[in-house]
Amino acid sequence: MEPQVLERMVEPFFKTQMGQGTNGLGMTIAYNIVTGIFGGQINVKMASPRGTIIEIIVPKVVLTP
């Protein structure tokens, strides 16, 4: 993933390929759920030439009866 794509990947409606996949909302929705609702984080690591690794970290919640 190129640096300019990495900077914009959670922007609504941002796409790198026209006509394929979702309407540019997939990463925006995932980011908002993970960070906003669950208080987690998303880390992106470039693994050239194989691709990109996206790591999702969500805090563990322990419910007591």
PDB file of N, CA and C in Angstrom:
ATOM      1  N   MET A   1       0.853  -1.174   0.000  1.00  0.00           N
ATOM      2  CA  MET A   1       0.000   0.000   0.000  1.00  0.00           C
ATOM      3  C   MET A   1       0.899   1.237   0.000  1.00  0.00           C
ATOM      4  N   GLU A   2       0.641   2.123  -0.896  1.00  0.00           N
ATOM      5  CA  GLU A   2       1.443   3.333  -1.008  1.00  0.00           C
ATOM      6  C   GLU A   2       1.106   4.309   0.118  1.00  0.00           C
ATOM      7  N   PRO A   3       2.074   5.138   0.532  1.00  0.00           N
ATOM      8  CA  PRO A   3       1.838   6.072   1.647  1.00  0.00           C
ATOM      9  C   PRO A   3       0.632   6.987   1.450  1.00  0.00           C
ATOM     10  N   GLN A   4       0.398   7.465   0.220  1.00  0.00           N
ATOM     11  CA  GLN A   4      -0.740   8.354  -0.003  1.00  0.00           C
ATOM     12  C   GLN A   4      -2.065   7.607   0.139  1.00  0.00           C
ATOM     13  N   VAL A   5      -2.083   6.318  -0.152  1.00  0.00           N
ATOM     14  CA  VAL A   5      -3.286   5.504   0.052  1.00  0.00           C
ATOM     15  C   VAL A   5      -3.464   5.237   1.543  1.00  0.00           C
ATOM     16  N   LEU A   6      -2.394   4.932   2.228  1.00  0.00           N
ATOM     17  CA  LEU A   6      -2.436   4.674   3.667  1.00  0.00           C
ATOM     18  C   LEU A   6      -3.021   5.863   4.434  1.00  0.00           C
ATOM     19  N   GLU A   7      -2.657   7.068   4.032  1.00  0.00           N
ATOM     20  CA  GLU A   7      -3.145   8.282   4.689  1.00  0.00           C
ATOM     21  C   GLU A   7      -4.652   8.474   4.521  1.00  0.00           C
ATOM     22  N   ARG A   8      -5.203   7.971   3.417  1.00  0.00           N
ATOM     23  CA  ARG A   8      -6.611   8.236   3.103  1.00  0.00           C
ATOM     24  C   ARG A   8      -7.516   7.022   3.258  1.00  0.00           C
ATOM     25  N   MET A   9      -6.997   5.891   3.696  1.00  0.00           N
ATOM     26  CA  MET A   9      -7.751   4.637   3.624  1.00  0.00           C
ATOM     27  C   MET A   9      -9.030   4.603   4.451  1.00  0.00           C
ATOM     28  N   VAL A  10      -9.189   5.448   5.453  1.00  0.00           N
ATOM     29  CA  VAL A  10     -10.431   5.450   6.232  1.00  0.00           C
ATOM     30  C   VAL A  10     -11.364   6.598   5.850  1.00  0.00           C
ATOM     31  N   GLU A  11     -11.016   7.348   4.823  1.00  0.00           N
ATOM     32  CA  GLU A  11     -11.904   8.404   4.328  1.00  0.00           C
ATOM     33  C   GLU A  11     -13.121   7.778   3.656  1.00  0.00           C
ATOM     34  N   PRO A  12     -14.312   8.292   3.944  1.00  0.00           N
ATOM     35  CA  PRO A  12     -15.499   7.774   3.261  1.00  0.00           C
ATOM     36  C   PRO A  12     -15.393   7.947   1.749  1.00  0.00           C
ATOM     37  N   PHE A  13     -15.792   6.924   1.029  1.00  0.00           N
ATOM     38  CA  PHE A  13     -15.861   6.881  -0.433  1.00  0.00           C
ATOM     39  C   PHE A  13     -14.504   6.896  -1.129  1.00  0.00           C
ATOM     40  N   PHE A  14     -13.401   6.705  -0.392  1.00  0.00           N
ATOM     41  CA  PHE A  14     -12.080   6.631  -1.024  1.00  0.00           C
ATOM     42  C   PHE A  14     -11.883   5.236  -1.584  1.00  0.00           C
ATOM     43  N   LYS A  15     -11.517   5.165  -2.870  1.00  0.00           N
ATOM     44  CA  LYS A  15     -11.274   3.888  -3.543  1.00  0.00           C
ATOM     45  C   LYS A  15     -10.010   3.996  -4.385  1.00  0.00           C
ATOM     46  N   THR A  16      -9.347   2.871  -4.553  1.00  0.00           N
ATOM     47  CA  THR A  16      -8.182   2.842  -5.432  1.00  0.00           C
ATOM     48  C   THR A  16      -8.497   2.177  -6.763  1.00  0.00           C
ATOM     49  N   GLN A  17      -9.585   1.387  -6.815  1.00  0.00           N
ATOM     50  CA  GLN A  17      -9.965   0.707  -8.046  1.00  0.00           C
ATOM     51  C   GLN A  17     -11.432   0.968  -8.321  1.00  0.00           C
ATOM     52  N   MET A  18     -11.723   1.491  -9.465  1.00  0.00           N
ATOM     53  CA  MET A  18     -13.104   1.803  -9.824  1.00  0.00           C
ATOM     54  C   MET A  18     -13.841   0.524 -10.233  1.00  0.00           C
ATOM     55  N   GLY A  19     -15.085   0.428  -9.801  1.00  0.00           N
ATOM     56  CA  GLY A  19     -15.931  -0.678 -10.227  1.00  0.00           C
ATOM     57  C   GLY A  19     -15.712  -1.984  -9.497  1.00  0.00           C
ATOM     58  N   GLN A  20     -14.851  -2.019  -8.499  1.00  0.00           N
ATOM     59  CA  GLN A  20     -14.598  -3.257  -7.772  1.00  0.00           C
ATOM     60  C   GLN A  20     -14.847  -3.051  -6.287  1.00  0.00           C
ATOM     61  N   GLY A  21     -15.310  -4.096  -5.632  1.00  0.00           N
ATOM     62  CA  GLY A  21     -15.473  -4.055  -4.188  1.00  0.00           C
ATOM     63  C   GLY A  21     -16.647  -3.201  -3.741  1.00  0.00           C
ATOM     64  N   THR A  22     -16.511  -2.636  -2.551  1.00  0.00           N
ATOM     65  CA  THR A  22     -17.591  -1.841  -1.980  1.00  0.00           C
ATOM     66  C   THR A  22     -17.560  -0.431  -2.561  1.00  0.00           C
ATOM     67  N   ASN A  23     -18.395   0.424  -2.048  1.00  0.00           N
ATOM     68  CA  ASN A  23     -18.474   1.795  -2.552  1.00  0.00           C
ATOM     69  C   ASN A  23     -17.497   2.726  -1.835  1.00  0.00           C
ATOM     70  N   GLY A  24     -16.438   2.185  -1.267  1.00  0.00           N
ATOM     71  CA  GLY A  24     -15.447   3.012  -0.586  1.00  0.00           C
ATOM     72  C   GLY A  24     -15.779   3.272   0.870  1.00  0.00           C
ATOM     73  N   LEU A  25     -16.661   2.459   1.436  1.00  0.00           N
ATOM     74  CA  LEU A  25     -17.049   2.654   2.833  1.00  0.00           C
ATOM     75  C   LEU A  25     -16.557   1.546   3.761  1.00  0.00           C
ATOM     76  N   GLY A  26     -16.018   0.478   3.230  1.00  0.00           N
ATOM     77  CA  GLY A  26     -15.629  -0.676   4.035  1.00  0.00           C
ATOM     78  C   GLY A  26     -14.669  -0.354   5.169  1.00  0.00           C
ATOM     79  N   MET A  27     -13.552   0.281   4.863  1.00  0.00           N
ATOM     80  CA  MET A  27     -12.571   0.610   5.905  1.00  0.00           C
ATOM     81  C   MET A  27     -13.086   1.701   6.832  1.00  0.00           C
ATOM     82  N   THR A  28     -13.894   2.613   6.308  1.00  0.00           N
ATOM     83  CA  THR A  28     -14.483   3.663   7.152  1.00  0.00           C
ATOM     84  C   THR A  28     -15.389   3.043   8.208  1.00  0.00           C
ATOM     85  N   ILE A  29     -16.238   2.125   7.786  1.00  0.00           N
ATOM     86  CA  ILE A  29     -17.155   1.461   8.717  1.00  0.00           C
ATOM     87  C   ILE A  29     -16.376   0.629   9.728  1.00  0.00           C
ATOM     88  N   ALA A  30     -15.409  -0.154   9.252  1.00  0.00           N
ATOM     89  CA  ALA A  30     -14.604  -0.980  10.160  1.00  0.00           C
ATOM     90  C   ALA A  30     -13.867  -0.114  11.181  1.00  0.00           C
ATOM     91  N   TYR A  31     -13.271   0.967  10.724  1.00  0.00           N
ATOM     92  CA  TYR A  31     -12.528   1.860  11.619  1.00  0.00           C
ATOM     93  C   TYR A  31     -13.452   2.461  12.680  1.00  0.00           C
ATOM     94  N   ASN A  32     -14.626   2.922  12.264  1.00  0.00           N
ATOM     95  CA  ASN A  32     -15.565   3.528  13.206  1.00  0.00           C
ATOM     96  C   ASN A  32     -16.082   2.521  14.237  1.00  0.00           C
ATOM     97  N   ILE A  33     -16.315   1.298  13.822  1.00  0.00           N
ATOM     98  CA  ILE A  33     -16.775   0.271  14.766  1.00  0.00           C
ATOM     99  C   ILE A  33     -15.671  -0.089  15.747  1.00  0.00           C
ATOM    100  N   VAL A  34     -14.478  -0.380  15.229  1.00  0.00           N
ATOM    101  CA  VAL A  34     -13.369  -0.822  16.087  1.00  0.00           C
ATOM    102  C   VAL A  34     -12.931   0.276  17.045  1.00  0.00           C
ATOM    103  N   THR A  35     -12.742   1.492  16.548  1.00  0.00           N
ATOM    104  CA  THR A  35     -12.224   2.563  17.404  1.00  0.00           C
ATOM    105  C   THR A  35     -13.311   3.270  18.196  1.00  0.00           C
ATOM    106  N   GLY A  36     -14.442   3.534  17.556  1.00  0.00           N
ATOM    107  CA  GLY A  36     -15.490   4.298  18.210  1.00  0.00           C
ATOM    108  C   GLY A  36     -16.349   3.501  19.163  1.00  0.00           C
ATOM    109  N   ILE A  37     -16.792   2.341  18.730  1.00  0.00           N
ATOM    110  CA  ILE A  37     -17.700   1.544  19.555  1.00  0.00           C
ATOM    111  C   ILE A  37     -16.943   0.678  20.556  1.00  0.00           C
ATOM    112  N   PHE A  38     -15.894  -0.011  20.095  1.00  0.00           N
ATOM    113  CA  PHE A  38     -15.181  -0.949  20.961  1.00  0.00           C
ATOM    114  C   PHE A  38     -13.946  -0.367  21.635  1.00  0.00           C
ATOM    115  N   GLY A  39     -13.533   0.832  21.270  1.00  0.00           N
ATOM    116  CA  GLY A  39     -12.354   1.440  21.885  1.00  0.00           C
ATOM    117  C   GLY A  39     -11.056   0.756  21.510  1.00  0.00           C
ATOM    118  N   GLY A  40     -11.018   0.144  20.350  1.00  0.00           N
ATOM    119  CA  GLY A  40      -9.826  -0.567  19.893  1.00  0.00           C
ATOM    120  C   GLY A  40      -8.998   0.273  18.944  1.00  0.00           C
ATOM    121  N   GLN A  41      -8.161  -0.415  18.195  1.00  0.00           N
ATOM    122  CA  GLN A  41      -7.324   0.280  17.217  1.00  0.00           C
ATOM    123  C   GLN A  41      -7.090  -0.613  16.006  1.00  0.00           C
ATOM    124  N   ILE A  42      -6.751   0.019  14.895  1.00  0.00           N
ATOM    125  CA  ILE A  42      -6.402  -0.685  13.666  1.00  0.00           C
ATOM    126  C   ILE A  42      -4.997  -0.268  13.288  1.00  0.00           C
ATOM    127  N   ASN A  43      -4.121  -1.247  13.123  1.00  0.00           N
ATOM    128  CA  ASN A  43      -2.739  -1.000  12.711  1.00  0.00           C
ATOM    129  C   ASN A  43      -2.546  -1.553  11.313  1.00  0.00           C
ATOM    130  N   VAL A  44      -1.860  -0.805  10.479  1.00  0.00           N
ATOM    131  CA  VAL A  44      -1.595  -1.225   9.110  1.00  0.00           C
ATOM    132  C   VAL A  44      -0.091  -1.344   8.931  1.00  0.00           C
ATOM    133  N   LYS A  45       0.333  -2.502   8.420  1.00  0.00           N
ATOM    134  CA  LYS A  45       1.756  -2.747   8.183  1.00  0.00           C
ATOM    135  C   LYS A  45       1.934  -3.122   6.725  1.00  0.00           C
ATOM    136  N   MET A  46       2.856  -2.448   6.069  1.00  0.00           N
ATOM    137  CA  MET A  46       3.152  -2.781   4.686  1.00  0.00           C
ATOM    138  C   MET A  46       4.073  -3.990   4.662  1.00  0.00           C
ATOM    139  N   ALA A  47       3.700  -4.996   3.890  1.00  0.00           N
ATOM    140  CA  ALA A  47       4.470  -6.232   3.788  1.00  0.00           C
ATOM    141  C   ALA A  47       4.860  -6.459   2.332  1.00  0.00           C
ATOM    142  N   SER A  48       5.596  -5.515   1.777  1.00  0.00           N
ATOM    143  CA  SER A  48       5.990  -5.589   0.363  1.00  0.00           C
ATOM    144  C   SER A  48       6.874  -6.802   0.137  1.00  0.00           C
ATOM    145  N   PRO A  49       6.818  -7.447  -0.971  1.00  0.00           N
ATOM    146  CA  PRO A  49       5.905  -7.248  -2.103  1.00  0.00           C
ATOM    147  C   PRO A  49       4.619  -8.056  -1.968  1.00  0.00           C
ATOM    148  N   ARG A  50       4.374  -8.637  -0.827  1.00  0.00           N
ATOM    149  CA  ARG A  50       3.231  -9.536  -0.663  1.00  0.00           C
ATOM    150  C   ARG A  50       1.910  -8.825  -0.443  1.00  0.00           C
ATOM    151  N   GLY A  51       1.913  -7.613   0.042  1.00  0.00           N
ATOM    152  CA  GLY A  51       0.652  -6.933   0.279  1.00  0.00           C
ATOM    153  C   GLY A  51       0.673  -6.116   1.554  1.00  0.00           C
ATOM    154  N   THR A  52      -0.452  -6.107   2.246  1.00  0.00           N
ATOM    155  CA  THR A  52      -0.624  -5.284   3.436  1.00  0.00           C
ATOM    156  C   THR A  52      -1.224  -6.132   4.547  1.00  0.00           C
ATOM    157  N   ILE A  53      -0.754  -5.921   5.763  1.00  0.00           N
ATOM    158  CA  ILE A  53      -1.298  -6.608   6.933  1.00  0.00           C
ATOM    159  C   ILE A  53      -2.102  -5.586   7.728  1.00  0.00           C
ATOM    160  N   ILE A  54      -3.355  -5.910   7.997  1.00  0.00           N
ATOM    161  CA  ILE A  54      -4.201  -5.041   8.805  1.00  0.00           C
ATOM    162  C   ILE A  54      -4.499  -5.783  10.101  1.00  0.00           C
ATOM    163  N   GLU A  55      -4.076  -5.186  11.215  1.00  0.00           N
ATOM    164  CA  GLU A  55      -4.230  -5.795  12.529  1.00  0.00           C
ATOM    165  C   GLU A  55      -5.309  -5.031  13.296  1.00  0.00           C
ATOM    166  N   ILE A  56      -6.301  -5.767  13.778  1.00  0.00           N
ATOM    167  CA  ILE A  56      -7.393  -5.161  14.541  1.00  0.00           C
ATOM    168  C   ILE A  56      -7.238  -5.593  15.998  1.00  0.00           C
ATOM    169  N   ILE A  57      -7.161  -4.618  16.902  1.00  0.00           N
ATOM    170  CA  ILE A  57      -7.003  -4.891  18.323  1.00  0.00           C
ATOM    171  C   ILE A  57      -8.227  -4.345  19.056  1.00  0.00           C
ATOM    172  N   VAL A  58      -8.910  -5.233  19.770  1.00  0.00           N
ATOM    173  CA  VAL A  58     -10.098  -4.857  20.530  1.00  0.00           C
ATOM    174  C   VAL A  58      -9.856  -5.247  21.976  1.00  0.00           C
ATOM    175  N   PRO A  59     -10.082  -4.314  22.928  1.00  0.00           N
ATOM    176  CA  PRO A  59      -9.868  -4.637  24.326  1.00  0.00           C
ATOM    177  C   PRO A  59     -10.789  -5.760  24.803  1.00  0.00           C
ATOM    178  N   LYS A  60     -10.250  -6.570  25.692  1.00  0.00           N
ATOM    179  CA  LYS A  60     -11.033  -7.653  26.278  1.00  0.00           C
ATOM    180  C   LYS A  60     -11.935  -7.070  27.359  1.00  0.00           C
ATOM    181  N   VAL A  61     -13.182  -7.509  27.351  1.00  0.00           N
ATOM    182  CA  VAL A  61     -14.138  -7.061  28.374  1.00  0.00           C
ATOM    183  C   VAL A  61     -14.568  -8.276  29.174  1.00  0.00           C
ATOM    184  N   VAL A  62     -14.452  -8.181  30.489  1.00  0.00           N
ATOM    185  CA  VAL A  62     -14.864  -9.265  31.351  1.00  0.00           C
ATOM    186  C   VAL A  62     -16.175  -8.872  32.021  1.00  0.00           C
ATOM    187  N   LEU A  63     -17.186  -9.668  31.792  1.00  0.00           N
ATOM    188  CA  LEU A  63     -18.488  -9.397  32.385  1.00  0.00           C
ATOM    189  C   LEU A  63     -18.644 -10.236  33.641  1.00  0.00           C
ATOM    190  N   THR A  64     -19.051  -9.614  34.715  1.00  0.00           N
ATOM    191  CA  THR A  64     -19.254 -10.357  35.957  1.00  0.00           C
ATOM    192  C   THR A  64     -20.746 -10.514  36.184  1.00  0.00           C
ATOM    193  N   PRO A  65     -21.139 -11.701  36.674  1.00  0.00           N
ATOM    194  CA  PRO A  65     -22.582 -11.950  36.878  1.00  0.00           C
ATOM    195  C   PRO A  65     -23.141 -11.149  38.030  1.00  0.00           C
TER     196      PRO A  65
END
